[in-house]
Amino acid sequence: MLNETRHTLSLHQIRTRMKELEDLGCLVIHKGRKGTEITEKGIEMIDQLKG
């Protein structure tokens, strides 16, 4: 499990981080109801962070 933290992020900070992850190819952010998809690269990044 990732380290838990008590720091909260604002909505703006979350959107900024998500955009950065999209730019890195870890997420695909769709408009509307389709939502956000994590890519294979994103899954690999999470596995490395957990490892």
PDB file of N, CA and C in Angstrom:
ATOM      1  N   MET A   1       0.844  -1.183   0.000  1.00  0.00           N
ATOM      2  CA  MET A   1       0.000   0.000   0.000  1.00  0.00           C
ATOM      3  C   MET A   1       0.892   1.250   0.000  1.00  0.00           C
ATOM      4  N   LEU A   2       0.460   2.263  -0.701  1.00  0.00           N
ATOM      5  CA  LEU A   2       1.225   3.509  -0.727  1.00  0.00           C
ATOM      6  C   LEU A   2       1.178   4.161   0.644  1.00  0.00           C
ATOM      7  N   ASN A   3       2.195   4.931   0.949  1.00  0.00           N
ATOM      8  CA  ASN A   3       2.220   5.622   2.239  1.00  0.00           C
ATOM      9  C   ASN A   3       1.019   6.533   2.384  1.00  0.00           C
ATOM     10  N   GLU A   4       0.375   6.450   3.531  1.00  0.00           N
ATOM     11  CA  GLU A   4      -0.762   7.321   3.787  1.00  0.00           C
ATOM     12  C   GLU A   4      -0.257   8.667   4.284  1.00  0.00           C
ATOM     13  N   THR A   5      -0.956   9.707   3.916  1.00  0.00           N
ATOM     14  CA  THR A   5      -0.564  11.045   4.327  1.00  0.00           C
ATOM     15  C   THR A   5      -1.802  11.818   4.744  1.00  0.00           C
ATOM     16  N   ARG A   6      -1.628  12.808   5.572  1.00  0.00           N
ATOM     17  CA  ARG A   6      -2.751  13.613   6.026  1.00  0.00           C
ATOM     18  C   ARG A   6      -2.849  14.925   5.264  1.00  0.00           C
ATOM     19  N   HIS A   7      -2.041  15.081   4.240  1.00  0.00           N
ATOM     20  CA  HIS A   7      -2.082  16.297   3.433  1.00  0.00           C
ATOM     21  C   HIS A   7      -3.222  16.192   2.433  1.00  0.00           C
ATOM     22  N   THR A   8      -4.018  17.218   2.368  1.00  0.00           N
ATOM     23  CA  THR A   8      -5.111  17.213   1.414  1.00  0.00           C
ATOM     24  C   THR A   8      -4.733  18.040   0.196  1.00  0.00           C
ATOM     25  N   LEU A   9      -5.278  17.653  -0.946  1.00  0.00           N
ATOM     26  CA  LEU A   9      -5.026  18.378  -2.183  1.00  0.00           C
ATOM     27  C   LEU A   9      -6.292  19.118  -2.586  1.00  0.00           C
ATOM     28  N   SER A  10      -6.110  20.291  -3.140  1.00  0.00           N
ATOM     29  CA  SER A  10      -7.249  21.031  -3.669  1.00  0.00           C
ATOM     30  C   SER A  10      -7.651  20.413  -5.008  1.00  0.00           C
ATOM     31  N   LEU A  11      -8.840  20.718  -5.463  1.00  0.00           N
ATOM     32  CA  LEU A  11      -9.301  20.232  -6.758  1.00  0.00           C
ATOM     33  C   LEU A  11      -8.352  20.678  -7.876  1.00  0.00           C
ATOM     34  N   HIS A  12      -7.869  21.901  -7.790  1.00  0.00           N
ATOM     35  CA  HIS A  12      -6.915  22.418  -8.779  1.00  0.00           C
ATOM     36  C   HIS A  12      -5.633  21.584  -8.780  1.00  0.00           C
ATOM     37  N   GLN A  13      -5.119  21.248  -7.595  1.00  0.00           N
ATOM     38  CA  GLN A  13      -3.896  20.445  -7.511  1.00  0.00           C
ATOM     39  C   GLN A  13      -4.103  19.048  -8.098  1.00  0.00           C
ATOM     40  N   ILE A  14      -5.266  18.454  -7.847  1.00  0.00           N
ATOM     41  CA  ILE A  14      -5.570  17.133  -8.392  1.00  0.00           C
ATOM     42  C   ILE A  14      -5.617  17.191  -9.905  1.00  0.00           C
ATOM     43  N   ARG A  15      -6.301  18.187 -10.448  1.00  0.00           N
ATOM     44  CA  ARG A  15      -6.396  18.319 -11.914  1.00  0.00           C
ATOM     45  C   ARG A  15      -5.023  18.556 -12.536  1.00  0.00           C
ATOM     46  N   THR A  16      -4.187  19.338 -11.862  1.00  0.00           N
ATOM     47  CA  THR A  16      -2.830  19.591 -12.357  1.00  0.00           C
ATOM     48  C   THR A  16      -2.027  18.300 -12.389  1.00  0.00           C
ATOM     49  N   ARG A  17      -2.083  17.502 -11.327  1.00  0.00           N
ATOM     50  CA  ARG A  17      -1.350  16.228 -11.274  1.00  0.00           C
ATOM     51  C   ARG A  17      -1.865  15.263 -12.335  1.00  0.00           C
ATOM     52  N   MET A  18      -3.188  15.235 -12.519  1.00  0.00           N
ATOM     53  CA  MET A  18      -3.757  14.352 -13.536  1.00  0.00           C
ATOM     54  C   MET A  18      -3.298  14.765 -14.928  1.00  0.00           C
ATOM     55  N   LYS A  19      -3.237  16.055 -15.194  1.00  0.00           N
ATOM     56  CA  LYS A  19      -2.755  16.556 -16.492  1.00  0.00           C
ATOM     57  C   LYS A  19      -1.295  16.173 -16.694  1.00  0.00           C
ATOM     58  N   GLU A  20      -0.485  16.276 -15.646  1.00  0.00           N
ATOM     59  CA  GLU A  20       0.921  15.881 -15.735  1.00  0.00           C
ATOM     60  C   GLU A  20       1.039  14.394 -16.045  1.00  0.00           C
ATOM     61  N   LEU A  21       0.209  13.570 -15.408  1.00  0.00           N
ATOM     62  CA  LEU A  21       0.230  12.131 -15.673  1.00  0.00           C
ATOM     63  C   LEU A  21      -0.247  11.819 -17.091  1.00  0.00           C
ATOM     64  N   GLU A  22      -1.206  12.604 -17.576  1.00  0.00           N
ATOM     65  CA  GLU A  22      -1.653  12.434 -18.962  1.00  0.00           C
ATOM     66  C   GLU A  22      -0.516  12.788 -19.921  1.00  0.00           C
ATOM     67  N   ASP A  23       0.196  13.871 -19.636  1.00  0.00           N
ATOM     68  CA  ASP A  23       1.319  14.282 -20.488  1.00  0.00           C
ATOM     69  C   ASP A  23       2.426  13.228 -20.518  1.00  0.00           C
ATOM     70  N   LEU A  24       2.572  12.475 -19.418  1.00  0.00           N
ATOM     71  CA  LEU A  24       3.577  11.409 -19.333  1.00  0.00           C
ATOM     72  C   LEU A  24       3.088  10.112 -19.980  1.00  0.00           C
ATOM     73  N   GLY A  25       1.814  10.070 -20.359  1.00  0.00           N
ATOM     74  CA  GLY A  25       1.259   8.871 -20.983  1.00  0.00           C
ATOM     75  C   GLY A  25       0.740   7.849 -19.997  1.00  0.00           C
ATOM     76  N   CYS A  26       0.531   8.255 -18.753  1.00  0.00           N
ATOM     77  CA  CYS A  26       0.052   7.335 -17.722  1.00  0.00           C
ATOM     78  C   CYS A  26      -1.469   7.318 -17.598  1.00  0.00           C
ATOM     79  N   LEU A  27      -2.119   8.365 -18.051  1.00  0.00           N
ATOM     80  CA  LEU A  27      -3.575   8.474 -18.010  1.00  0.00           C
ATOM     81  C   LEU A  27      -4.088   8.952 -19.361  1.00  0.00           C
ATOM     82  N   VAL A  28      -5.350   8.603 -19.643  1.00  0.00           N
ATOM     83  CA  VAL A  28      -6.071   9.172 -20.766  1.00  0.00           C
ATOM     84  C   VAL A  28      -7.319   9.796 -20.166  1.00  0.00           C
ATOM     85  N   ILE A  29      -7.431  11.115 -20.267  1.00  0.00           N
ATOM     86  CA  ILE A  29      -8.554  11.835 -19.682  1.00  0.00           C
ATOM     87  C   ILE A  29      -9.551  12.143 -20.787  1.00  0.00           C
ATOM     88  N   HIS A  30     -10.765  11.581 -20.648  1.00  0.00           N
ATOM     89  CA  HIS A  30     -11.832  11.810 -21.620  1.00  0.00           C
ATOM     90  C   HIS A  30     -12.788  12.857 -21.078  1.00  0.00           C
ATOM     91  N   LYS A  31     -13.486  13.492 -21.956  1.00  0.00           N
ATOM     92  CA  LYS A  31     -14.517  14.457 -21.572  1.00  0.00           C
ATOM     93  C   LYS A  31     -15.822  13.712 -21.297  1.00  0.00           C
ATOM     94  N   GLY A  32     -16.645  14.270 -20.462  1.00  0.00           N
ATOM     95  CA  GLY A  32     -17.975  13.716 -20.223  1.00  0.00           C
ATOM     96  C   GLY A  32     -17.964  12.459 -19.386  1.00  0.00           C
ATOM     97  N   ARG A  33     -18.918  11.578 -19.680  1.00  0.00           N
ATOM     98  CA  ARG A  33     -19.134  10.393 -18.861  1.00  0.00           C
ATOM     99  C   ARG A  33     -18.115   9.290 -19.068  1.00  0.00           C
ATOM    100  N   LYS A  34     -17.315   9.387 -20.091  1.00  0.00           N
ATOM    101  CA  LYS A  34     -16.354   8.318 -20.375  1.00  0.00           C
ATOM    102  C   LYS A  34     -15.286   8.222 -19.285  1.00  0.00           C
ATOM    103  N   GLY A  35     -14.991   9.308 -18.638  1.00  0.00           N
ATOM    104  CA  GLY A  35     -14.087   9.272 -17.492  1.00  0.00           C
ATOM    105  C   GLY A  35     -12.614   9.248 -17.853  1.00  0.00           C
ATOM    106  N   THR A  36     -11.819   8.735 -16.933  1.00  0.00           N
ATOM    107  CA  THR A  36     -10.370   8.697 -17.056  1.00  0.00           C
ATOM    108  C   THR A  36      -9.907   7.247 -17.069  1.00  0.00           C
ATOM    109  N   GLU A  37      -8.973   6.937 -17.951  1.00  0.00           N
ATOM    110  CA  GLU A  37      -8.426   5.589 -18.050  1.00  0.00           C
ATOM    111  C   GLU A  37      -6.957   5.616 -17.653  1.00  0.00           C
ATOM    112  N   ILE A  38      -6.531   4.586 -16.940  1.00  0.00           N
ATOM    113  CA  ILE A  38      -5.108   4.431 -16.651  1.00  0.00           C
ATOM    114  C   ILE A  38      -4.518   3.556 -17.742  1.00  0.00           C
ATOM    115  N   THR A  39      -3.377   3.930 -18.243  1.00  0.00           N
ATOM    116  CA  THR A  39      -2.741   3.192 -19.327  1.00  0.00           C
ATOM    117  C   THR A  39      -1.827   2.110 -18.754  1.00  0.00           C
ATOM    118  N   GLU A  40      -1.322   1.272 -19.641  1.00  0.00           N
ATOM    119  CA  GLU A  40      -0.374   0.239 -19.214  1.00  0.00           C
ATOM    120  C   GLU A  40       0.858   0.888 -18.578  1.00  0.00           C
ATOM    121  N   LYS A  41       1.301   2.002 -19.137  1.00  0.00           N
ATOM    122  CA  LYS A  41       2.448   2.725 -18.565  1.00  0.00           C
ATOM    123  C   LYS A  41       2.118   3.200 -17.145  1.00  0.00           C
ATOM    124  N   GLY A  42       0.884   3.654 -16.935  1.00  0.00           N
ATOM    125  CA  GLY A  42       0.454   4.082 -15.605  1.00  0.00           C
ATOM    126  C   GLY A  42       0.446   2.942 -14.609  1.00  0.00           C
ATOM    127  N   ILE A  43      -0.019   1.778 -15.058  1.00  0.00           N
ATOM    128  CA  ILE A  43      -0.031   0.591 -14.187  1.00  0.00           C
ATOM    129  C   ILE A  43       1.392   0.195 -13.810  1.00  0.00           C
ATOM    130  N   GLU A  44       2.294   0.255 -14.782  1.00  0.00           N
ATOM    131  CA  GLU A  44       3.695  -0.060 -14.505  1.00  0.00           C
ATOM    132  C   GLU A  44       4.294   0.918 -13.499  1.00  0.00           C
ATOM    133  N   MET A  45       3.936   2.203 -13.618  1.00  0.00           N
ATOM    134  CA  MET A  45       4.434   3.206 -12.684  1.00  0.00           C
ATOM    135  C   MET A  45       3.947   2.906 -11.258  1.00  0.00           C
ATOM    136  N   ILE A  46       2.683   2.556 -11.128  1.00  0.00           N
ATOM    137  CA  ILE A  46       2.133   2.220  -9.807  1.00  0.00           C
ATOM    138  C   ILE A  46       2.850   1.005  -9.233  1.00  0.00           C
ATOM    139  N   ASP A  47       3.079  -0.012 -10.066  1.00  0.00           N
ATOM    140  CA  ASP A  47       3.780  -1.210  -9.597  1.00  0.00           C
ATOM    141  C   ASP A  47       5.178  -0.870  -9.093  1.00  0.00           C
ATOM    142  N   GLN A  48       5.872   0.044  -9.787  1.00  0.00           N
ATOM    143  CA  GLN A  48       7.203   0.457  -9.350  1.00  0.00           C
ATOM    144  C   GLN A  48       7.140   1.197  -8.015  1.00  0.00           C
ATOM    145  N   LEU A  49       6.137   2.034  -7.836  1.00  0.00           N
ATOM    146  CA  LEU A  49       5.994   2.786  -6.585  1.00  0.00           C
ATOM    147  C   LEU A  49       5.682   1.865  -5.417  1.00  0.00           C
ATOM    148  N   LYS A  50       4.912   0.814  -5.667  1.00  0.00           N
ATOM    149  CA  LYS A  50       4.535  -0.129  -4.624  1.00  0.00           C
ATOM    150  C   LYS A  50       5.698  -1.052  -4.274  1.00  0.00           C
ATOM    151  N   GLY A  51       6.543  -1.335  -5.281  1.00  0.00           N
ATOM    152  CA  GLY A  51       7.600  -2.329  -5.145  1.00  0.00           C
ATOM    153  C   GLY A  51       8.621  -1.998  -4.143  1.00  0.00           C
TER     154      GLY A  51
END
